[in-house]
Amino acid sequence: MKKPVPVPTPATRPFWNALAEGKLRLQQCRACSTVFYYPRTCCPACLSPELDWREVAGTGTLYTYTIARRPTHPLFADEVPQRLAVVELDEGPKLTSTLVNLRDEDIRIGMRLAPVFEKQADGRTMLLRFQPADESLRSDARAEGGARQAPLPEVSALTPEVLAYVGRTGEAVTGYPVTAEEIRRYCYAVDDLDPRWLDLATPGGVSAPPMFVSIPFDIDRPLHELSEDGTALEHRGVIFPPVTLKRKLFGGLEIEWFRELRPGDVLTRQYRVLDIVERRGASGPSVFVRIEGTYCNQHGEKVAVEVNTIICR
């Protein structure tokens, strides 16, 4: 999948057109002279609809920032860590962007920033980033001798041994019987108080919400089977390729529901590796592993299918 790009609207199109030219234009009110961002149809100060577009230098100071070390979406995993920032432009408006071309330890609130116009993969969209105004703080200027360091040879994490896991299926594991009490306990824990899950007078009886399907597979474990953070060292039936990257991040869950799950049902779960892909970014490689879990009841009927995305970095 391709990364999403901004879709201009009639109100924002002049802003994006200016970025495509390597320029920054902001709106200014004719009535009160307020310069503002984000683009809109009336002035936020006096509500006048009489607006102009004014080109500005794009320089400013760092108002605040955070360093995101986990992707907010799997498509952006190759950009981690992201240095998300609020920049206060010299003309007054604040805007949210990303800091580039600097080291984490050089970031300071109030530091002077200059604009960077970054063309996206679609060849048309330009995004606004910011880098230190002081060229000596820019990361490419810190390489030995003042020249950019040559990149290291790329070595793929997708070895034949890893790729051999695509299509591989794990052991089928049976969970404990579903009970109305367990459904009720789960619903109160996640604050899902839908009467379908809780009211015994519901026609046909209570059923479990879709995300409940993994609960009957959670069992008590002795301490020697737990890691230091309290998670299980091994999960029966789980199958995962031997990716050498150490960190694992949760990249999202999709679930498709086929039939109701009711008290007395006993689920069997089986995992299968759907796909393994690698993406590279400025922070190094990321491997995306998509694992499908199929849940069937005691009659062999398919109840649900979930797809987990695990990101290795």
Protein backbone atom coordinates (compact mmCIF):
# COMPACT_ATOMS: atom_id res chain seq x y z
CA MET A 1 0.00 0.00 0.00
CA LYS A 2 1.11 3.55 -0.74
CA LYS A 3 1.31 6.17 1.96
CA PRO A 4 -1.65 8.57 2.04
CA VAL A 5 -1.04 12.08 0.71
CA PRO A 6 -3.05 15.27 1.37
CA VAL A 7 -6.10 15.83 -0.82
CA PRO A 8 -6.50 19.58 -1.58
CA THR A 9 -9.90 21.20 -1.10
CA PRO A 10 -11.03 24.55 -2.56
CA ALA A 11 -9.99 26.25 0.71
CA THR A 12 -6.56 24.59 0.94
CA ARG A 13 -5.55 24.31 -2.72
CA PRO A 14 -3.54 27.62 -2.81
CA PHE A 15 -1.51 26.36 0.18
CA TRP A 16 -0.61 23.05 -1.53
CA ASN A 17 0.01 24.73 -4.89
CA ALA A 18 2.51 27.06 -3.20
CA LEU A 19 4.33 24.14 -1.56
CA ALA A 20 4.59 22.48 -4.97
CA GLU A 21 6.52 25.60 -6.09
CA GLY A 22 8.81 25.46 -3.03
CA LYS A 23 7.03 28.38 -1.35
CA LEU A 24 4.94 28.87 1.76
CA ARG A 25 1.81 30.99 1.55
CA LEU A 26 -0.52 31.78 4.44
CA GLN A 27 -3.86 33.52 4.55
CA GLN A 28 -4.16 37.11 5.76
CA CYS A 29 -7.33 38.96 6.65
CA ARG A 30 -7.93 42.20 4.74
CA ALA A 31 -10.07 43.62 7.56
CA CYS A 32 -7.80 43.11 10.59
CA SER A 33 -4.49 42.02 8.95
CA THR A 34 -4.31 38.78 10.98
CA VAL A 35 -2.06 36.13 9.42
CA PHE A 36 -3.28 32.64 10.25
CA TYR A 37 -2.98 28.92 9.63
CA TYR A 38 -4.78 26.49 8.86
CA PRO A 39 -6.58 27.57 5.64
CA ARG A 40 -10.25 28.40 6.06
CA THR A 41 -13.01 30.52 4.59
CA CYS A 42 -13.14 33.28 7.22
CA CYS A 43 -10.75 35.03 9.58
CA PRO A 44 -10.52 33.35 13.03
CA ALA A 45 -9.96 36.76 14.67
CA CYS A 46 -12.80 38.88 13.23
CA LEU A 47 -14.75 36.37 11.08
CA SER A 48 -14.32 38.46 7.94
CA PRO A 49 -14.53 36.44 4.69
CA GLU A 50 -12.23 38.94 2.92
CA LEU A 51 -8.96 37.02 2.75
CA ASP A 52 -5.73 37.15 0.74
CA TRP A 53 -2.81 34.73 0.37
CA ARG A 54 0.58 36.05 1.47
CA GLU A 55 3.97 34.46 0.82
CA VAL A 56 6.12 34.12 3.96
CA ALA A 57 9.72 33.03 4.52
CA GLY A 58 8.77 29.93 6.51
CA THR A 59 11.36 30.59 9.22
CA GLY A 60 10.39 30.31 12.86
CA THR A 61 11.15 28.75 16.22
CA LEU A 62 10.44 25.37 17.78
CA TYR A 63 7.43 25.77 20.07
CA THR A 64 7.25 22.15 21.27
CA TYR A 65 8.03 18.64 20.02
CA THR A 66 7.83 14.93 20.71
CA ILE A 67 9.81 11.99 19.35
CA ALA A 68 7.51 9.13 18.28
CA ARG A 69 9.38 5.83 18.40
CA ARG A 70 6.37 3.70 17.49
CA PRO A 71 4.50 4.13 14.20
CA THR A 72 1.00 5.52 14.39
CA HIS A 73 0.22 3.39 11.33
CA PRO A 74 2.13 0.52 9.69
CA LEU A 75 2.60 2.57 6.50
CA PHE A 76 4.80 5.03 8.41
CA ALA A 77 7.02 2.49 10.16
CA ASP A 78 9.97 3.36 7.89
CA GLU A 79 9.94 6.95 9.25
CA VAL A 80 10.36 5.97 12.91
CA PRO A 81 11.59 7.74 14.95
CA GLN A 82 9.48 10.72 13.87
CA ARG A 83 10.37 14.10 15.36
CA LEU A 84 6.90 15.65 15.49
CA ALA A 85 6.95 19.38 16.16
CA VAL A 86 4.84 22.49 16.56
CA VAL A 87 6.62 25.37 14.83
CA GLU A 88 5.84 29.01 15.58
CA LEU A 89 6.43 30.97 12.38
CA ASP A 90 7.91 34.45 12.53
CA GLU A 91 4.57 35.83 11.32
CA GLY A 92 2.80 34.33 14.37
CA PRO A 93 0.85 31.23 13.30
CA LYS A 94 1.77 27.82 14.70
CA LEU A 95 1.72 24.70 12.55
CA THR A 96 2.45 21.01 13.08
CA SER A 97 5.21 19.43 11.05
CA THR A 98 8.25 17.14 11.30
CA LEU A 99 11.87 17.98 12.10
CA VAL A 100 14.51 16.56 9.73
CA ASN A 101 18.29 16.70 9.24
CA LEU A 102 19.21 16.87 12.93
CA ARG A 103 20.08 14.66 15.87
CA ASP A 104 17.73 14.14 18.81
CA GLU A 105 20.26 15.54 21.27
CA ASP A 106 20.45 18.83 19.32
CA ILE A 107 16.73 19.59 19.56
CA ARG A 108 15.96 22.58 21.78
CA ILE A 109 12.71 24.43 22.47
CA GLY A 110 13.05 27.87 20.91
CA MET A 111 15.71 26.85 18.36
CA ARG A 112 15.55 28.63 15.01
CA LEU A 113 14.16 26.58 12.14
CA ALA A 114 14.10 26.85 8.35
CA PRO A 115 11.66 25.21 5.92
CA VAL A 116 12.37 22.08 3.88
CA PHE A 117 10.15 21.26 0.90
CA GLU A 118 10.02 17.49 0.54
CA LYS A 119 8.64 15.87 -2.61
CA GLN A 120 6.65 12.70 -2.01
CA ALA A 121 6.74 9.35 -3.80
CA ASP A 122 3.79 10.26 -6.03
CA GLY A 123 6.00 12.90 -7.71
CA ARG A 124 3.37 15.62 -7.27
CA THR A 125 2.78 16.24 -3.58
CA MET A 126 5.18 18.46 -1.62
CA LEU A 127 5.21 18.41 2.19
CA LEU A 128 6.61 21.05 4.53
CA ARG A 129 9.29 19.91 6.98
CA PHE A 130 11.69 21.94 9.12
CA GLN A 131 15.44 21.74 9.80
CA PRO A 132 17.81 23.79 11.97
CA ALA A 133 18.44 27.28 10.63
CA ASP A 134 21.99 26.89 11.97
CA GLU A 135 23.69 24.80 9.27
CA SER A 136 26.25 23.47 11.77
CA LEU A 137 23.43 21.62 13.56
CA ARG A 138 22.24 19.81 10.47
CA SER A 139 23.03 16.11 10.60
CA ASP A 140 24.54 15.92 7.08
CA ALA A 141 27.01 18.66 8.07
CA ARG A 142 28.30 16.60 11.00
CA ALA A 143 29.75 13.80 8.90
CA GLU A 144 33.52 13.54 9.06
CA GLY A 145 35.24 16.14 6.92
CA GLY A 146 31.98 18.00 6.39
CA ALA A 147 30.92 15.55 3.69
CA ARG A 148 27.97 13.18 3.75
CA GLN A 149 28.91 9.71 4.91
CA ALA A 150 28.48 6.93 2.39
CA PRO A 151 25.54 4.67 3.22
CA LEU A 152 26.28 1.19 4.48
CA PRO A 153 25.53 -1.68 2.11
CA GLU A 154 21.94 -2.80 2.50
CA VAL A 155 21.49 -6.32 3.85
CA SER A 156 17.97 -7.69 3.63
CA ALA A 157 16.38 -9.22 6.72
CA LEU A 158 14.28 -11.42 4.42
CA THR A 159 16.53 -14.45 4.35
CA PRO A 160 15.38 -17.66 2.62
CA GLU A 161 14.72 -19.10 6.08
CA VAL A 162 12.42 -16.19 6.93
CA LEU A 163 10.57 -16.25 3.60
CA ALA A 164 10.01 -20.01 3.97
CA TYR A 165 7.49 -19.17 6.72
CA VAL A 166 5.02 -17.59 4.25
CA GLY A 167 2.03 -19.96 4.14
CA ARG A 168 3.23 -22.01 7.11
CA THR A 169 0.52 -23.08 9.58
CA GLY A 170 0.84 -23.52 13.33
CA GLU A 171 -0.64 -26.08 15.69
CA ALA A 172 -4.41 -25.96 16.22
CA VAL A 173 -5.11 -25.05 19.86
CA THR A 174 -8.41 -25.44 21.72
CA GLY A 175 -9.47 -22.91 24.35
CA TYR A 176 -11.62 -23.33 27.46
CA PRO A 177 -15.46 -23.26 27.17
CA VAL A 178 -17.11 -19.85 26.87
CA THR A 179 -19.34 -18.85 29.80
CA ALA A 180 -21.81 -16.03 30.29
CA GLU A 181 -19.84 -14.92 33.35
CA GLU A 182 -16.63 -14.67 31.30
CA ILE A 183 -18.42 -12.62 28.62
CA ARG A 184 -19.85 -10.30 31.28
CA ARG A 185 -16.44 -9.87 32.95
CA TYR A 186 -14.82 -9.02 29.60
CA CYS A 187 -17.55 -6.51 28.63
CA TYR A 188 -17.27 -4.63 31.91
CA ALA A 189 -13.47 -4.60 31.60
CA VAL A 190 -13.61 -2.95 28.15
CA ASP A 191 -16.71 -0.83 28.96
CA ASP A 192 -18.83 -2.43 26.21
CA LEU A 193 -22.25 -2.64 27.88
CA ASP A 194 -24.32 -3.53 24.83
CA PRO A 195 -27.39 -5.54 25.99
CA ARG A 196 -26.64 -8.16 23.32
CA TRP A 197 -23.67 -9.26 25.41
CA LEU A 198 -25.17 -8.78 28.90
CA ASP A 199 -28.97 -9.13 28.99
CA LEU A 200 -29.99 -12.75 29.61
CA ALA A 201 -33.46 -11.91 28.22
CA THR A 202 -31.97 -11.21 24.77
CA PRO A 203 -33.73 -13.40 22.16
CA GLY A 204 -31.51 -16.42 21.58
CA GLY A 205 -29.49 -15.63 24.69
CA VAL A 206 -26.38 -13.53 25.21
CA SER A 207 -23.47 -13.69 22.78
CA ALA A 208 -19.88 -12.50 22.91
CA PRO A 209 -18.54 -9.36 21.17
CA PRO A 210 -16.14 -10.00 18.26
CA MET A 211 -12.95 -9.04 20.12
CA PHE A 212 -13.73 -11.67 22.77
CA VAL A 213 -12.53 -14.54 20.55
CA SER A 214 -8.98 -14.58 21.93
CA ILE A 215 -10.05 -14.57 25.61
CA PRO A 216 -10.67 -18.35 25.94
CA PHE A 217 -7.00 -18.90 25.06
CA ASP A 218 -5.65 -16.81 27.96
CA ILE A 219 -4.57 -19.16 30.73
CA ASP A 220 -2.74 -18.79 34.03
CA ARG A 221 0.97 -19.52 33.72
CA PRO A 222 3.65 -20.25 36.32
CA LEU A 223 6.25 -17.54 36.84
CA HIS A 224 9.02 -19.47 35.09
CA GLU A 225 6.99 -19.28 31.85
CA LEU A 226 6.83 -15.46 31.98
CA SER A 227 9.35 -12.89 30.78
CA GLU A 228 10.50 -9.98 32.96
CA ASP A 229 7.64 -7.78 31.69
CA GLY A 230 5.05 -10.40 32.62
CA THR A 231 4.26 -11.67 29.12
CA ALA A 232 4.38 -15.34 28.19
CA LEU A 233 7.67 -16.58 26.77
CA GLU A 234 5.83 -18.94 24.43
CA HIS A 235 2.28 -19.18 23.13
CA ARG A 236 0.99 -22.52 21.93
CA GLY A 237 0.13 -22.49 18.26
CA VAL A 238 1.86 -19.17 17.52
CA ILE A 239 4.17 -19.35 14.52
CA PHE A 240 6.65 -16.58 13.72
CA PRO A 241 9.58 -16.33 11.30
CA PRO A 242 13.15 -16.04 12.70
CA VAL A 243 13.58 -12.35 11.87
CA THR A 244 16.88 -11.07 13.30
CA LEU A 245 15.48 -7.62 14.14
CA LYS A 246 14.95 -7.45 17.90
CA ARG A 247 12.03 -5.08 18.51
CA LYS A 248 8.44 -6.13 17.78
CA LEU A 249 5.63 -3.58 17.48
CA PHE A 250 1.91 -4.14 17.14
CA GLY A 251 0.90 -2.83 13.72
CA GLY A 252 -2.86 -3.34 13.76
CA LEU A 253 -5.64 -5.93 13.88
CA GLU A 254 -8.42 -6.73 11.43
CA ILE A 255 -11.22 -9.14 12.32
CA GLU A 256 -14.02 -10.66 10.23
CA TRP A 257 -16.96 -12.17 12.13
CA PHE A 258 -19.02 -15.04 10.66
CA ARG A 259 -21.32 -16.31 13.41
CA GLU A 260 -22.30 -15.61 17.00
CA LEU A 261 -20.24 -16.96 19.86
CA ARG A 262 -22.39 -18.11 22.79
CA PRO A 263 -21.92 -19.60 26.24
CA GLY A 264 -21.01 -23.28 25.95
CA ASP A 265 -19.09 -22.86 22.69
CA VAL A 266 -15.52 -24.15 22.58
CA LEU A 267 -13.16 -22.46 20.11
CA THR A 268 -10.18 -23.87 18.27
CA ARG A 269 -7.64 -21.41 16.88
CA GLN A 270 -5.03 -21.94 14.18
CA TYR A 271 -2.50 -19.40 12.92
CA ARG A 272 -1.06 -19.07 9.41
CA VAL A 273 1.62 -16.67 8.13
CA LEU A 274 0.02 -14.70 5.29
CA ASP A 275 2.84 -12.46 4.13
CA ILE A 276 6.27 -11.10 5.05
CA VAL A 277 7.54 -7.87 3.47
CA GLU A 278 10.42 -5.51 4.13
CA ARG A 279 10.51 -1.73 3.86
CA ARG A 280 13.49 0.56 4.28
CA GLY A 281 13.61 4.10 5.57
CA ALA A 282 16.03 6.59 7.04
CA SER A 283 16.03 4.75 10.36
CA GLY A 284 16.75 1.33 8.82
CA PRO A 285 14.74 -1.72 7.73
CA SER A 286 11.33 -2.77 9.00
CA VAL A 287 9.80 -6.20 8.42
CA PHE A 288 6.01 -6.53 8.35
CA VAL A 289 4.63 -9.96 9.26
CA ARG A 290 0.90 -10.56 8.66
CA ILE A 291 -0.50 -13.52 10.58
CA GLU A 292 -4.02 -14.89 10.12
CA GLY A 293 -5.83 -16.59 13.00
CA THR A 294 -8.89 -18.71 12.21
CA TYR A 295 -11.39 -19.52 14.98
CA CYS A 296 -13.82 -22.44 14.66
CA ASN A 297 -16.39 -23.72 17.17
CA GLN A 298 -16.92 -27.26 18.44
CA HIS A 299 -19.00 -28.05 15.34
CA GLY A 300 -16.17 -27.09 12.97
CA GLU A 301 -18.01 -23.92 11.94
CA LYS A 302 -15.89 -20.82 11.25
CA VAL A 303 -16.62 -18.14 13.85
CA ALA A 304 -14.04 -15.44 13.05
CA VAL A 305 -10.82 -14.70 11.20
CA GLU A 306 -8.35 -12.14 12.50
CA VAL A 307 -5.27 -10.72 10.82
CA ASN A 308 -2.48 -9.32 13.00
CA THR A 309 0.32 -7.15 11.64
CA ILE A 310 3.58 -7.35 13.60
CA ILE A 311 6.38 -4.90 12.77
CA CYS A 312 9.97 -5.95 13.45
CA ARG A 313 12.62 -3.24 13.70
